[in-house]
N, C-alpha and C. Protein backbone atom coordinates (compact mmCIF):
# COMPACT_ATOMS: atom_id res chain seq x y z
N UNK A 1 89.05 82.03 228.56
CA UNK A 1 88.81 83.53 228.86
C UNK A 1 89.87 84.13 227.73
N UNK A 2 89.27 85.08 227.20
CA UNK A 2 90.28 85.84 226.61
C UNK A 2 90.79 86.65 227.36
N UNK A 3 92.24 87.59 227.18
CA UNK A 3 92.33 88.24 227.55
C UNK A 3 92.03 89.57 227.52
N UNK A 4 91.86 90.43 228.21
CA UNK A 4 91.15 91.68 228.43
C UNK A 4 91.93 92.65 227.84
N UNK A 5 91.45 93.30 226.70
CA UNK A 5 92.38 94.11 225.90
C UNK A 5 94.03 94.08 226.31
N UNK A 6 94.38 92.56 226.03
CA UNK A 6 96.09 92.16 226.03
C UNK A 6 96.25 92.91 227.37
N UNK A 7 95.79 93.14 228.19
CA UNK A 7 96.69 93.59 229.46
C UNK A 7 97.00 92.72 230.24
N UNK A 8 98.22 92.52 230.80
CA UNK A 8 98.70 91.92 231.71
C UNK A 8 99.69 92.84 232.42
N UNK A 9 99.26 92.81 233.96
CA UNK A 9 100.18 93.85 234.54
C UNK A 9 100.25 93.16 236.19
N UNK A 10 100.84 93.81 236.87
CA UNK A 10 100.88 93.45 238.28
C UNK A 10 99.55 93.58 239.10
N UNK A 11 98.81 92.45 239.45
CA UNK A 11 97.78 92.36 240.47
C UNK A 11 98.28 93.47 241.71
N UNK A 12 97.17 94.55 242.05
CA UNK A 12 97.44 95.18 243.02
C UNK A 12 96.12 94.68 244.32
N UNK A 13 96.64 94.85 245.26
CA UNK A 13 95.42 94.79 246.36
C UNK A 13 94.06 95.26 246.14
N UNK A 14 93.98 96.47 245.57
CA UNK A 14 92.97 96.85 245.02
C UNK A 14 92.23 95.90 243.89
N UNK A 15 92.94 95.87 243.21
CA UNK A 15 92.28 95.12 241.81
C UNK A 15 91.56 93.85 242.06
N UNK A 16 93.06 93.05 243.30
CA UNK A 16 92.40 91.63 243.84
C UNK A 16 91.11 91.73 244.49
N UNK A 17 90.85 92.85 245.34
CA UNK A 17 89.71 92.95 246.24
C UNK A 17 88.17 93.38 245.09
N UNK A 18 88.24 94.26 244.25
CA UNK A 18 87.64 94.25 242.90
C UNK A 18 87.12 92.77 242.25
N UNK A 19 88.18 91.68 242.30
CA UNK A 19 88.09 90.76 241.47
C UNK A 19 87.26 89.92 242.47
N UNK A 20 87.47 89.84 243.61
CA UNK A 20 87.01 88.81 244.37
C UNK A 20 85.41 89.40 244.76
N UNK A 21 85.27 90.49 244.89
CA UNK A 21 83.98 91.62 244.77
C UNK A 21 82.80 90.83 243.47
N UNK A 22 83.79 91.01 242.39
CA UNK A 22 83.16 90.55 241.33
C UNK A 22 82.52 88.98 241.40
N UNK A 23 83.25 88.11 241.88
CA UNK A 23 83.25 86.70 242.01
C UNK A 23 82.22 86.58 242.76
N UNK A 24 82.15 87.24 244.01
CA UNK A 24 80.99 87.41 244.95
C UNK A 24 79.66 87.47 244.56
N UNK A 25 79.68 88.56 243.92
CA UNK A 25 78.48 89.35 243.06
C UNK A 25 78.01 88.05 242.18
N UNK A 26 78.72 87.56 241.21
CA UNK A 26 78.61 86.90 240.29
C UNK A 26 78.14 85.25 241.03
N UNK A 27 78.83 84.72 241.59
CA UNK A 27 78.60 83.47 241.80
C UNK A 27 78.40 83.20 243.48
N UNK A 28 78.36 84.29 244.47
CA UNK A 28 78.07 84.25 245.54
C UNK A 28 79.01 83.70 246.56
N UNK A 29 80.43 83.62 246.33
CA UNK A 29 81.80 82.85 246.64
C UNK A 29 82.44 83.79 247.56
N UNK A 30 83.30 83.58 248.29
CA UNK A 30 84.00 84.67 249.10
C UNK A 30 85.60 83.38 249.04
N UNK A 31 86.57 84.33 249.07
CA UNK A 31 87.98 83.78 249.19
C UNK A 31 88.10 82.55 249.78
N UNK A 32 87.64 82.62 251.21
CA UNK A 32 87.57 81.24 252.21
C UNK A 32 86.94 80.28 251.47
N UNK A 33 85.77 80.69 251.04
CA UNK A 33 85.55 79.24 250.61
C UNK A 33 85.76 78.56 249.35
N UNK A 34 86.60 79.31 248.40
CA UNK A 34 87.35 79.00 247.09
C UNK A 34 88.72 78.46 247.58
N UNK A 35 89.08 78.44 248.96
CA UNK A 35 90.08 78.06 249.14
C UNK A 35 89.94 76.66 250.30
N UNK A 36 88.67 76.55 250.04
CA UNK A 36 88.32 74.95 251.04
C UNK A 36 88.17 74.11 250.01
N UNK A 37 88.17 73.00 250.59
CA UNK A 37 88.27 71.69 249.22
C UNK A 37 86.62 71.26 248.85
N UNK A 38 85.91 72.29 249.32
CA UNK A 38 84.50 72.20 249.15
C UNK A 38 84.07 71.96 247.61
N UNK A 39 83.01 70.98 247.03
CA UNK A 39 83.46 70.78 245.59
C UNK A 39 81.88 71.27 244.97
N UNK A 40 81.07 72.25 246.03
CA UNK A 40 80.05 72.87 245.53
C UNK A 40 80.11 73.50 244.20
N UNK A 41 79.06 73.58 243.45
CA UNK A 41 79.39 73.97 241.85
C UNK A 41 79.58 75.34 241.60
N UNK A 42 78.66 76.22 242.69
CA UNK A 42 79.28 77.91 242.95
C UNK A 42 80.79 78.09 243.05
N UNK A 43 81.09 77.23 244.03
CA UNK A 43 82.38 77.43 244.47
C UNK A 43 83.59 77.09 243.60
N UNK A 44 83.41 75.96 242.68
CA UNK A 44 84.23 75.59 241.84
C UNK A 44 84.16 76.85 240.40
N UNK A 45 83.01 76.91 240.30
CA UNK A 45 83.20 78.14 239.00
C UNK A 45 83.67 79.57 239.69
N UNK A 46 83.27 79.75 240.71
CA UNK A 46 84.26 80.95 241.08
C UNK A 46 85.64 80.87 241.05
N UNK A 47 86.14 79.79 241.55
CA UNK A 47 87.62 79.37 241.71
C UNK A 47 87.97 79.71 240.01
N UNK A 48 87.07 78.80 239.23
CA UNK A 48 87.66 78.70 237.85
C UNK A 48 87.96 79.96 237.27
N UNK A 49 86.75 81.18 237.65
CA UNK A 49 87.18 82.41 237.14
C UNK A 49 88.57 83.30 237.52
N UNK A 50 88.49 82.78 239.05
CA UNK A 50 89.42 83.38 239.82
C UNK A 50 90.69 83.32 239.12
N UNK A 51 90.90 81.91 239.15
CA UNK A 51 92.63 81.71 238.60
C UNK A 51 92.43 81.72 237.39
N UNK A 52 91.54 81.63 236.24
CA UNK A 52 91.70 82.21 235.07
C UNK A 52 92.19 83.79 234.83
N UNK A 53 91.28 84.50 235.69
CA UNK A 53 91.56 85.58 235.55
C UNK A 53 93.04 86.22 236.02
N UNK A 54 93.42 85.58 237.42
CA UNK A 54 94.68 86.04 237.61
C UNK A 54 95.91 85.72 236.90
N UNK A 55 95.39 84.25 236.13
CA UNK A 55 96.95 83.97 235.18
C UNK A 55 96.62 84.63 233.85
N UNK A 56 95.56 84.98 233.38
CA UNK A 56 95.39 85.08 231.84
C UNK A 56 95.35 87.11 231.52
N UNK A 57 94.76 87.66 232.70
CA UNK A 57 94.62 88.89 232.73
C UNK A 57 95.74 89.63 233.42
N UNK A 58 95.79 89.22 234.56
CA UNK A 58 96.81 89.57 235.65
C UNK A 58 98.44 89.13 235.40
N UNK A 59 98.16 87.79 234.32
CA UNK A 59 99.95 87.19 234.05
C UNK A 59 100.75 86.56 235.32
N UNK A 60 99.91 86.39 236.59
CA UNK A 60 100.75 85.76 237.53
C UNK A 60 100.55 84.46 236.97
N UNK A 61 101.75 83.67 237.64
CA UNK A 61 101.90 82.39 237.29
C UNK A 61 101.05 81.19 237.92
N UNK A 62 101.06 80.00 237.42
CA UNK A 62 100.01 79.43 237.71
C UNK A 62 100.55 78.89 239.30
N UNK A 63 101.62 79.11 239.91
CA UNK A 63 102.17 78.49 241.19
C UNK A 63 101.53 79.83 242.02
N UNK A 64 101.54 81.06 241.77
CA UNK A 64 101.21 82.11 242.26
C UNK A 64 99.89 82.33 242.67
N UNK A 65 99.20 81.91 241.02
CA UNK A 65 97.55 81.96 241.63
C UNK A 65 97.06 80.75 242.41
N UNK A 66 97.89 79.74 242.22
CA UNK A 66 97.36 78.26 243.08
C UNK A 66 97.17 79.05 244.57
N UNK A 67 98.41 79.60 244.83
CA UNK A 67 98.91 79.74 246.26
C UNK A 67 97.83 80.66 246.93
N UNK A 68 97.32 81.46 246.04
CA UNK A 68 96.42 82.40 246.42
C UNK A 68 94.90 81.77 246.73
N UNK A 69 94.60 80.57 245.93
CA UNK A 69 93.57 79.83 246.24
C UNK A 69 93.49 78.38 247.09
N UNK A 70 95.02 78.32 247.36
CA UNK A 70 95.34 76.82 248.14
C UNK A 70 95.11 75.69 246.75
N UNK A 71 95.44 75.71 245.82
CA UNK A 71 95.60 75.01 244.84
C UNK A 71 97.15 74.65 244.32
N UNK A 72 97.52 73.56 243.83
CA UNK A 72 98.47 73.70 242.82
C UNK A 72 98.78 73.89 241.70
N UNK A 73 99.83 74.17 241.13
CA UNK A 73 99.86 74.63 239.60
C UNK A 73 98.81 73.69 238.76
N UNK A 74 99.26 72.54 238.77
CA UNK A 74 98.32 71.58 237.89
C UNK A 74 96.66 71.90 237.98
N UNK A 75 96.62 71.96 239.26
CA UNK A 75 94.99 72.59 239.27
C UNK A 75 94.35 73.59 238.79
N UNK A 76 95.36 74.45 238.98
CA UNK A 76 95.06 75.91 238.18
C UNK A 76 95.15 75.55 236.69
N UNK A 77 95.80 74.99 236.18
CA UNK A 77 96.05 74.52 234.70
C UNK A 77 94.88 73.90 234.30
N UNK A 78 94.23 72.45 235.18
CA UNK A 78 93.01 72.05 235.01
C UNK A 78 91.80 73.36 235.15
N UNK A 79 91.44 73.85 236.11
CA UNK A 79 90.63 74.96 236.16
C UNK A 79 90.61 75.92 234.76
N UNK A 80 91.91 76.11 234.27
CA UNK A 80 91.52 77.09 233.53
C UNK A 80 91.22 76.18 232.17
N UNK A 81 91.74 75.00 232.06
CA UNK A 81 90.95 74.66 231.03
C UNK A 81 89.46 74.34 230.96
N UNK A 82 88.83 73.61 232.11
CA UNK A 82 87.70 73.86 232.29
C UNK A 82 86.91 74.89 232.26
N UNK A 83 87.34 76.12 232.68
CA UNK A 83 86.84 77.29 231.69
C UNK A 83 86.61 77.50 230.77
N UNK A 84 87.43 77.16 229.84
CA UNK A 84 87.46 77.37 228.45
C UNK A 84 86.74 76.59 227.91
N UNK A 85 86.64 74.96 228.23
CA UNK A 85 85.19 74.26 227.83
C UNK A 85 84.11 74.66 227.90
N UNK A 86 83.84 74.95 229.18
CA UNK A 86 82.70 75.65 229.67
C UNK A 86 82.44 77.05 228.86
N UNK A 87 83.30 77.92 228.61
CA UNK A 87 83.24 78.97 227.80
C UNK A 87 82.75 78.52 226.30
N UNK A 88 83.14 77.50 225.79
CA UNK A 88 82.90 77.01 224.56
C UNK A 88 81.48 76.18 224.76
N UNK A 89 81.19 75.87 225.85
CA UNK A 89 79.82 74.92 225.64
C UNK A 89 78.86 76.12 225.67
N UNK A 90 78.68 77.02 226.37
CA UNK A 90 77.65 77.90 227.17
C UNK A 90 78.31 79.27 226.37
N UNK A 91 78.38 79.63 225.32
CA UNK A 91 79.05 81.07 224.71
C UNK A 91 78.19 82.16 225.67
N UNK A 92 76.87 82.12 225.29
CA UNK A 92 76.04 83.46 225.43
C UNK A 92 76.61 83.79 226.84
N UNK A 93 76.46 82.92 227.94
CA UNK A 93 76.61 83.01 229.55
C UNK A 93 77.97 83.84 229.78
N UNK A 94 79.12 82.86 228.99
CA UNK A 94 80.45 83.28 229.36
C UNK A 94 80.41 84.50 228.42
N UNK A 95 80.12 85.06 227.52
CA UNK A 95 79.94 86.43 226.88
C UNK A 95 79.55 87.32 227.67
N UNK A 96 78.57 87.21 228.17
CA UNK A 96 77.62 88.18 229.01
C UNK A 96 78.70 88.45 230.30
N UNK A 97 78.79 87.14 231.16
CA UNK A 97 80.01 87.22 231.94
C UNK A 97 81.43 88.15 231.54
N UNK A 98 81.87 87.83 230.72
CA UNK A 98 83.04 88.64 229.97
C UNK A 98 83.13 89.93 229.84
N UNK A 99 81.74 90.21 229.05
CA UNK A 99 81.58 91.63 229.07
C UNK A 99 81.04 92.42 230.35
N UNK A 100 80.34 91.94 231.34
CA UNK A 100 80.29 92.51 232.73
C UNK A 100 81.74 92.54 233.32
N UNK A 101 82.63 91.80 233.35
CA UNK A 101 83.94 91.88 233.80
C UNK A 101 84.57 92.85 233.12
N UNK A 102 84.42 93.05 231.84
CA UNK A 102 85.69 94.12 231.15
C UNK A 102 84.79 95.02 231.62
N UNK A 103 83.60 95.31 231.84
CA UNK A 103 82.99 96.83 231.83
C UNK A 103 83.73 97.23 233.44
N UNK A 104 83.78 96.07 234.62
CA UNK A 104 84.18 96.33 235.61
C UNK A 104 85.46 96.89 235.83
N UNK A 105 86.22 96.06 234.99
CA UNK A 105 87.90 96.59 235.04
C UNK A 105 87.85 97.89 234.35
N UNK A 106 86.95 98.20 233.12
CA UNK A 106 87.38 99.55 232.35
C UNK A 106 86.63 100.84 233.58
N UNK A 107 85.71 100.12 234.39
CA UNK A 107 85.38 101.57 234.98
C UNK A 107 86.38 101.55 236.59
N UNK A 108 87.19 100.49 236.93
CA UNK A 108 88.12 100.67 238.08
C UNK A 108 89.31 101.51 237.39
N UNK A 109 89.82 100.93 236.03
CA UNK A 109 90.87 101.69 235.03
C UNK A 109 90.42 103.16 235.43
N UNK A 110 89.55 103.63 234.92
CA UNK A 110 88.85 104.95 234.81
C UNK A 110 89.32 105.63 236.28
N UNK A 111 88.81 104.92 237.52
CA UNK A 111 88.84 105.37 238.72
C UNK A 111 90.24 105.45 239.36
N UNK A 112 91.22 104.40 238.84
CA UNK A 112 92.27 104.67 238.88
C UNK A 112 93.21 106.05 238.59
N UNK A 113 92.49 106.22 237.23
CA UNK A 113 93.56 107.31 236.90
C UNK A 113 92.71 108.46 237.26
N UNK A 114 91.62 108.48 237.54
CA UNK A 114 91.08 109.45 238.33
C UNK A 114 92.13 109.80 239.90
N UNK A 115 91.83 108.58 240.82
CA UNK A 115 92.66 109.00 241.91
C UNK A 115 94.36 109.40 241.56
N UNK A 116 94.66 108.68 240.39
CA UNK A 116 96.17 109.55 240.23
C UNK A 116 96.37 110.99 239.66
N UNK A 117 95.28 111.29 239.10
CA UNK A 117 95.51 112.86 238.61
C UNK A 117 94.71 113.56 239.84
N UNK A 118 93.93 113.20 240.91
CA UNK A 118 94.23 113.79 242.13
C UNK A 118 95.42 114.17 242.94
N UNK A 119 95.92 112.62 243.19
CA UNK A 119 97.48 112.85 244.12
C UNK A 119 98.20 113.80 242.94
N UNK A 120 98.36 113.77 241.83
CA UNK A 120 99.24 114.70 241.36
C UNK A 120 98.88 116.19 241.66
N UNK A 121 97.72 116.05 241.40
CA UNK A 121 96.80 117.53 241.87
C UNK A 121 97.24 118.22 243.27
N UNK A 122 97.10 117.11 244.07
CA UNK A 122 97.53 117.41 245.47
C UNK A 122 99.23 117.79 245.53
N UNK A 123 99.96 117.04 244.99
CA UNK A 123 101.17 117.41 244.82
C UNK A 123 101.56 118.78 244.40
N UNK A 124 101.37 118.84 243.14
CA UNK A 124 101.18 120.34 242.64
C UNK A 124 100.80 121.30 243.73
N UNK A 125 99.67 121.64 244.39
CA UNK A 125 99.40 122.47 245.05
C UNK A 125 100.03 122.31 246.59
N UNK A 126 100.57 121.49 246.82
CA UNK A 126 101.65 121.37 247.90
C UNK A 126 102.88 122.23 247.47
N UNK A 127 103.37 121.75 246.13
CA UNK A 127 104.55 122.50 245.79
C UNK A 127 104.24 124.23 245.63
N UNK A 128 103.27 124.46 245.33
CA UNK A 128 102.55 126.06 245.02
C UNK A 128 102.59 126.34 246.31
N UNK A 129 102.01 125.62 247.65
CA UNK A 129 102.07 126.62 248.90
C UNK A 129 103.26 126.68 249.30
N UNK A 130 104.05 125.88 248.81
CA UNK A 130 105.83 125.85 249.60
C UNK A 130 106.19 127.09 249.21
N UNK A 131 106.00 127.14 247.49
CA UNK A 131 106.94 128.27 246.90
C UNK A 131 105.77 129.52 247.10
N UNK A 132 104.77 129.78 247.73
CA UNK A 132 104.10 130.94 248.18
C UNK A 132 104.87 131.02 249.47
N UNK A 133 104.93 130.05 250.63
CA UNK A 133 105.18 130.41 251.98
C UNK A 133 107.13 131.13 251.51
N UNK A 134 107.63 130.11 250.73
CA UNK A 134 109.08 130.86 250.57
C UNK A 134 109.24 132.58 250.27
N UNK A 135 108.19 132.34 249.36
CA UNK A 135 108.26 133.93 248.24
C UNK A 135 107.58 134.89 249.72
N UNK A 136 106.88 134.45 250.57
CA UNK A 136 106.65 135.50 251.82
C UNK A 136 107.64 135.46 252.35
N UNK A 137 108.27 134.37 252.61
CA UNK A 137 109.58 134.65 253.57
C UNK A 137 110.44 135.55 253.22
N UNK A 138 110.77 135.23 252.09
CA UNK A 138 111.73 136.27 251.22
C UNK A 138 111.50 137.79 251.35
N UNK A 139 109.95 138.08 251.29
CA UNK A 139 109.59 139.40 251.35
C UNK A 139 109.80 139.97 252.84
N UNK A 140 109.16 138.92 253.63
CA UNK A 140 109.77 139.44 255.07
C UNK A 140 111.23 139.60 255.53
N UNK A 141 111.89 139.04 255.09
CA UNK A 141 113.64 138.88 255.06
C UNK A 141 113.93 140.22 254.54
N UNK A 142 113.59 140.64 253.30
CA UNK A 142 113.75 142.02 252.80
C UNK A 142 113.26 143.03 253.47
N UNK A 143 112.12 143.05 254.44
CA UNK A 143 111.53 143.81 255.05
C UNK A 143 112.38 144.02 256.54
N UNK A 144 113.00 142.82 256.81
CA UNK A 144 113.54 142.77 257.89
C UNK A 144 115.07 143.63 257.72
N UNK A 145 115.59 143.23 256.59
CA UNK A 145 116.81 144.24 256.09
C UNK A 145 116.54 145.48 256.17
N UNK A 146 115.75 145.77 255.59
CA UNK A 146 115.11 146.97 255.29
C UNK A 146 115.16 148.05 257.01
N UNK A 147 114.14 147.47 257.67
CA UNK A 147 114.12 147.85 259.13
C UNK A 147 115.29 147.55 259.45
N UNK A 148 116.37 146.82 259.62
CA UNK A 148 117.56 146.97 259.88
C UNK A 148 118.74 148.15 259.49
N UNK A 149 118.40 148.25 258.13
CA UNK A 149 119.24 149.63 257.94
C UNK A 149 118.59 150.81 258.77
N UNK A 150 117.16 150.80 258.44
CA UNK A 150 116.93 151.76 258.86
C UNK A 150 117.36 152.23 260.46
N UNK A 151 117.62 151.23 261.41
CA UNK A 151 117.47 151.32 262.31
C UNK A 151 119.66 151.77 262.57
N UNK A 152 119.99 151.04 261.76
CA UNK A 152 121.38 151.28 261.42
C UNK A 152 121.67 152.61 261.26
N UNK A 153 120.72 153.34 260.05
CA UNK A 153 120.94 154.45 259.88
C UNK A 153 120.58 155.56 261.33
N UNK A 154 119.64 155.31 262.06
CA UNK A 154 119.21 156.08 263.11
C UNK A 154 120.38 155.96 264.05
N UNK A 155 120.98 154.91 264.32
CA UNK A 155 122.51 155.08 265.38
C UNK A 155 123.29 155.94 264.97
N UNK A 156 123.70 155.73 263.50
CA UNK A 156 125.06 156.47 263.55
C UNK A 156 124.54 158.39 263.34
């Protein structure tokens, strides 16, 4: 599995869920099934894709990737090598698989960027609202001062 756009970054919970969803859609396998010692073909293929993506795309160590699906680091290395071997044996299928995964990642990156922009917009709107409130309070304070001055003048 080649590194997707040479990007390696910390795996977020949302990205992990998206990756697991992709594996479920592609292989029909859940994380619990990947953690089991079951040796059915679909489960093994899903597990291979999962640990390969975790280590090569997201930069997790083989130990961390192994802990996520109940494997030791040597098994993670074995699954990565088998994934590479299968991708050389069946290049068309694996190229389709990788394009499908890349498009999912690119779509998710765009969604994350939009979410970040929405959060920033909301923060800016909150700051603007606070400034408006402060400005209105200052106007009220000036009006209060004028009323006090008027009252002060009347008393004298």
